[in-house]
Amino acid sequence: MAKRHSNNITPEVAVERLINCFETANGEINKALGQEIPKKELNARVKLFVGDAFRKCNVDIKNPTKEGLREAMGLCKINTEKMLGPKAEPIIRKHYAEMSEIIEKLPDNGDKND
């Protein structure tokens, strides 16, 4: 399947891709730390973790702004670094860059006005 290149990515698609990327990153981190977590459990943990970050940043996960996504993903990065330490840093850096690319594909309009 051809890779879709679109500058018209929606916030919903961005959140879905970010959760998938975060799940992949967490799987790699757990493997690097010698932990094996079933995929279903990993998915549930990631959704809770990401959802919590969105709530703490007062960002609507169903319709986030570009800035809101940046803020929530930044908090996820900080929290993951605190929890997992230096061993996870290269994996976090790699996937955070991928997540940032996804966010940057969102249009700038729709940022917070209130």
C-alpha atoms as a PDB file:
ATOM      1  CA  MET A   1       0.000   0.000   0.000  1.00  0.00           C
ATOM      2  CA  ALA A   2       1.332   3.431  -0.909  1.00  0.00           C
ATOM      3  CA  LYS A   3       2.216   5.772   1.906  1.00  0.00           C
ATOM      4  CA  ARG A   4      -0.408   8.496   2.175  1.00  0.00           C
ATOM      5  CA  HIS A   5       1.035  11.978   2.134  1.00  0.00           C
ATOM      6  CA  SER A   6      -1.497  14.487   3.296  1.00  0.00           C
ATOM      7  CA  ASN A   7      -1.313  17.901   4.827  1.00  0.00           C
ATOM      8  CA  ASN A   8      -4.991  17.557   5.711  1.00  0.00           C
ATOM      9  CA  ILE A   9      -4.534  15.223   8.663  1.00  0.00           C
ATOM     10  CA  THR A  10      -7.391  15.506  11.148  1.00  0.00           C
ATOM     11  CA  PRO A  11      -6.949  15.782  14.926  1.00  0.00           C
ATOM     12  CA  GLU A  12      -8.706  12.395  15.306  1.00  0.00           C
ATOM     13  CA  VAL A  13      -6.245  10.710  12.922  1.00  0.00           C
ATOM     14  CA  ALA A  14      -3.331  12.459  14.649  1.00  0.00           C
ATOM     15  CA  VAL A  15      -4.416  11.140  18.070  1.00  0.00           C
ATOM     16  CA  GLU A  16      -4.841   7.609  16.672  1.00  0.00           C
ATOM     17  CA  ARG A  17      -1.382   7.706  15.083  1.00  0.00           C
ATOM     18  CA  LEU A  18       0.163   9.166  18.226  1.00  0.00           C
ATOM     19  CA  ILE A  19      -1.339   6.412  20.383  1.00  0.00           C
ATOM     20  CA  ASN A  20      -0.075   3.769  17.930  1.00  0.00           C
ATOM     21  CA  CYS A  21       3.399   5.317  17.917  1.00  0.00           C
ATOM     22  CA  PHE A  22       3.409   5.579  21.704  1.00  0.00           C
ATOM     23  CA  GLU A  23       2.339   1.932  21.962  1.00  0.00           C
ATOM     24  CA  THR A  24       5.183   0.865  19.662  1.00  0.00           C
ATOM     25  CA  ALA A  25       7.665   2.938  21.676  1.00  0.00           C
ATOM     26  CA  ASN A  26       6.461   1.434  24.956  1.00  0.00           C
ATOM     27  CA  GLY A  27       6.735  -2.064  23.514  1.00  0.00           C
ATOM     28  CA  GLU A  28      10.337  -1.364  22.491  1.00  0.00           C
ATOM     29  CA  ILE A  29      11.142   0.154  25.885  1.00  0.00           C
ATOM     30  CA  ASN A  30       9.662  -2.791  27.764  1.00  0.00           C
ATOM     31  CA  LYS A  31      11.624  -5.200  25.577  1.00  0.00           C
ATOM     32  CA  ALA A  32      14.842  -3.221  26.234  1.00  0.00           C
ATOM     33  CA  LEU A  33      14.125  -3.447  29.966  1.00  0.00           C
ATOM     34  CA  GLY A  34      13.525  -7.201  29.730  1.00  0.00           C
ATOM     35  CA  GLN A  35       9.786  -6.953  30.375  1.00  0.00           C
ATOM     36  CA  GLU A  36       7.215  -8.777  28.297  1.00  0.00           C
ATOM     37  CA  ILE A  37       3.732  -7.245  28.413  1.00  0.00           C
ATOM     38  CA  PRO A  38       0.842  -8.744  26.439  1.00  0.00           C
ATOM     39  CA  LYS A  39      -0.250  -6.483  23.553  1.00  0.00           C
ATOM     40  CA  LYS A  40      -3.783  -6.052  24.893  1.00  0.00           C
ATOM     41  CA  GLU A  41      -2.486  -4.956  28.301  1.00  0.00           C
ATOM     42  CA  LEU A  42       0.095  -2.657  26.711  1.00  0.00           C
ATOM     43  CA  ASN A  43      -2.630  -1.044  24.586  1.00  0.00           C
ATOM     44  CA  ALA A  44      -4.832  -0.459  27.656  1.00  0.00           C
ATOM     45  CA  ARG A  45      -1.923   1.011  29.645  1.00  0.00           C
ATOM     46  CA  VAL A  46      -0.957   3.355  26.815  1.00  0.00           C
ATOM     47  CA  LYS A  47      -4.528   4.606  26.352  1.00  0.00           C
ATOM     48  CA  LEU A  48      -4.794   5.324  30.098  1.00  0.00           C
ATOM     49  CA  PHE A  49      -1.376   7.000  30.202  1.00  0.00           C
ATOM     50  CA  VAL A  50      -2.015   9.158  27.125  1.00  0.00           C
ATOM     51  CA  GLY A  51      -5.571   9.970  28.211  1.00  0.00           C
ATOM     52  CA  ASP A  52      -4.288  11.061  31.610  1.00  0.00           C
ATOM     53  CA  ALA A  53      -1.750  13.397  29.994  1.00  0.00           C
ATOM     54  CA  PHE A  54      -4.465  14.970  27.853  1.00  0.00           C
ATOM     55  CA  ARG A  55      -6.661  15.500  30.941  1.00  0.00           C
ATOM     56  CA  LYS A  56      -3.798  17.045  32.944  1.00  0.00           C
ATOM     57  CA  CYS A  57      -3.147  19.457  30.067  1.00  0.00           C
ATOM     58  CA  ASN A  58      -6.885  20.231  29.696  1.00  0.00           C
ATOM     59  CA  VAL A  59      -6.786  19.010  26.093  1.00  0.00           C
ATOM     60  CA  ASP A  60      -9.838  17.402  24.475  1.00  0.00           C
ATOM     61  CA  ILE A  61      -8.522  14.052  23.206  1.00  0.00           C
ATOM     62  CA  LYS A  62     -11.453  13.791  20.772  1.00  0.00           C
ATOM     63  CA  ASN A  63     -10.774  17.187  19.197  1.00  0.00           C
ATOM     64  CA  PRO A  64      -7.356  18.499  20.231  1.00  0.00           C
ATOM     65  CA  THR A  65      -5.678  21.556  18.820  1.00  0.00           C
ATOM     66  CA  LYS A  66      -2.193  21.327  17.359  1.00  0.00           C
ATOM     67  CA  GLU A  67      -0.817  23.154  20.416  1.00  0.00           C
ATOM     68  CA  GLY A  68      -2.811  20.886  22.733  1.00  0.00           C
ATOM     69  CA  LEU A  69      -1.308  17.813  21.073  1.00  0.00           C
ATOM     70  CA  ARG A  70       2.189  19.250  21.493  1.00  0.00           C
ATOM     71  CA  GLU A  71       1.530  19.926  25.172  1.00  0.00           C
ATOM     72  CA  ALA A  72       0.039  16.486  25.913  1.00  0.00           C
ATOM     73  CA  MET A  73       2.788  14.613  24.040  1.00  0.00           C
ATOM     74  CA  GLY A  74       5.417  16.703  25.838  1.00  0.00           C
ATOM     75  CA  LEU A  75       3.935  15.637  29.169  1.00  0.00           C
ATOM     76  CA  CYS A  76       3.881  11.994  28.036  1.00  0.00           C
ATOM     77  CA  LYS A  77       7.574  12.285  27.125  1.00  0.00           C
ATOM     78  CA  ILE A  78       8.498  13.825  30.491  1.00  0.00           C
ATOM     79  CA  ASN A  79       6.501  11.231  32.434  1.00  0.00           C
ATOM     80  CA  THR A  80       7.995   8.338  30.464  1.00  0.00           C
ATOM     81  CA  GLU A  81      11.530   9.643  31.016  1.00  0.00           C
ATOM     82  CA  LYS A  82      10.865   9.930  34.763  1.00  0.00           C
ATOM     83  CA  MET A  83       9.421   6.417  34.969  1.00  0.00           C
ATOM     84  CA  LEU A  84      11.915   4.563  32.810  1.00  0.00           C
ATOM     85  CA  GLY A  85      15.142   6.493  33.102  1.00  0.00           C
ATOM     86  CA  PRO A  86      18.194   6.718  30.857  1.00  0.00           C
ATOM     87  CA  LYS A  87      17.868   3.252  29.258  1.00  0.00           C
ATOM     88  CA  ALA A  88      14.691   4.374  27.526  1.00  0.00           C
ATOM     89  CA  GLU A  89      16.033   7.751  26.340  1.00  0.00           C
ATOM     90  CA  PRO A  90      17.114   6.742  22.789  1.00  0.00           C
ATOM     91  CA  ILE A  91      13.768   5.054  22.131  1.00  0.00           C
ATOM     92  CA  ILE A  92      11.824   8.000  23.568  1.00  0.00           C
ATOM     93  CA  ARG A  93      13.817  10.468  21.454  1.00  0.00           C
ATOM     94  CA  LYS A  94      13.210   8.479  18.244  1.00  0.00           C
ATOM     95  CA  HIS A  95       9.482   8.082  18.742  1.00  0.00           C
ATOM     96  CA  TYR A  96       8.959  11.608  20.058  1.00  0.00           C
ATOM     97  CA  ALA A  97      10.453  12.898  16.794  1.00  0.00           C
ATOM     98  CA  GLU A  98       7.998  10.719  14.845  1.00  0.00           C
ATOM     99  CA  MET A  99       5.094  11.992  16.953  1.00  0.00           C
ATOM    100  CA  SER A 100       6.200  15.584  16.396  1.00  0.00           C
ATOM    101  CA  GLU A 101       6.168  15.009  12.623  1.00  0.00           C
ATOM    102  CA  ILE A 102       2.571  13.791  12.859  1.00  0.00           C
ATOM    103  CA  ILE A 103       1.524  16.837  14.881  1.00  0.00           C
ATOM    104  CA  GLU A 104       3.225  19.223  12.451  1.00  0.00           C
ATOM    105  CA  LYS A 105       1.072  17.838   9.608  1.00  0.00           C
ATOM    106  CA  LEU A 106      -2.000  19.311  11.288  1.00  0.00           C
ATOM    107  CA  PRO A 107      -3.180  22.667   9.986  1.00  0.00           C
ATOM    108  CA  ASP A 108      -2.391  25.636  12.219  1.00  0.00           C
ATOM    109  CA  ASN A 109      -5.981  26.872  12.276  1.00  0.00           C
ATOM    110  CA  GLY A 110      -8.135  25.663  15.135  1.00  0.00           C
ATOM    111  CA  ASP A 111      -5.590  26.468  17.809  1.00  0.00           C
ATOM    112  CA  LYS A 112      -6.969  27.625  21.139  1.00  0.00           C
ATOM    113  CA  ASN A 113      -8.778  30.940  20.999  1.00  0.00           C
ATOM    114  CA  ASP A 114     -10.335  30.970  24.464  1.00  0.00           C
END
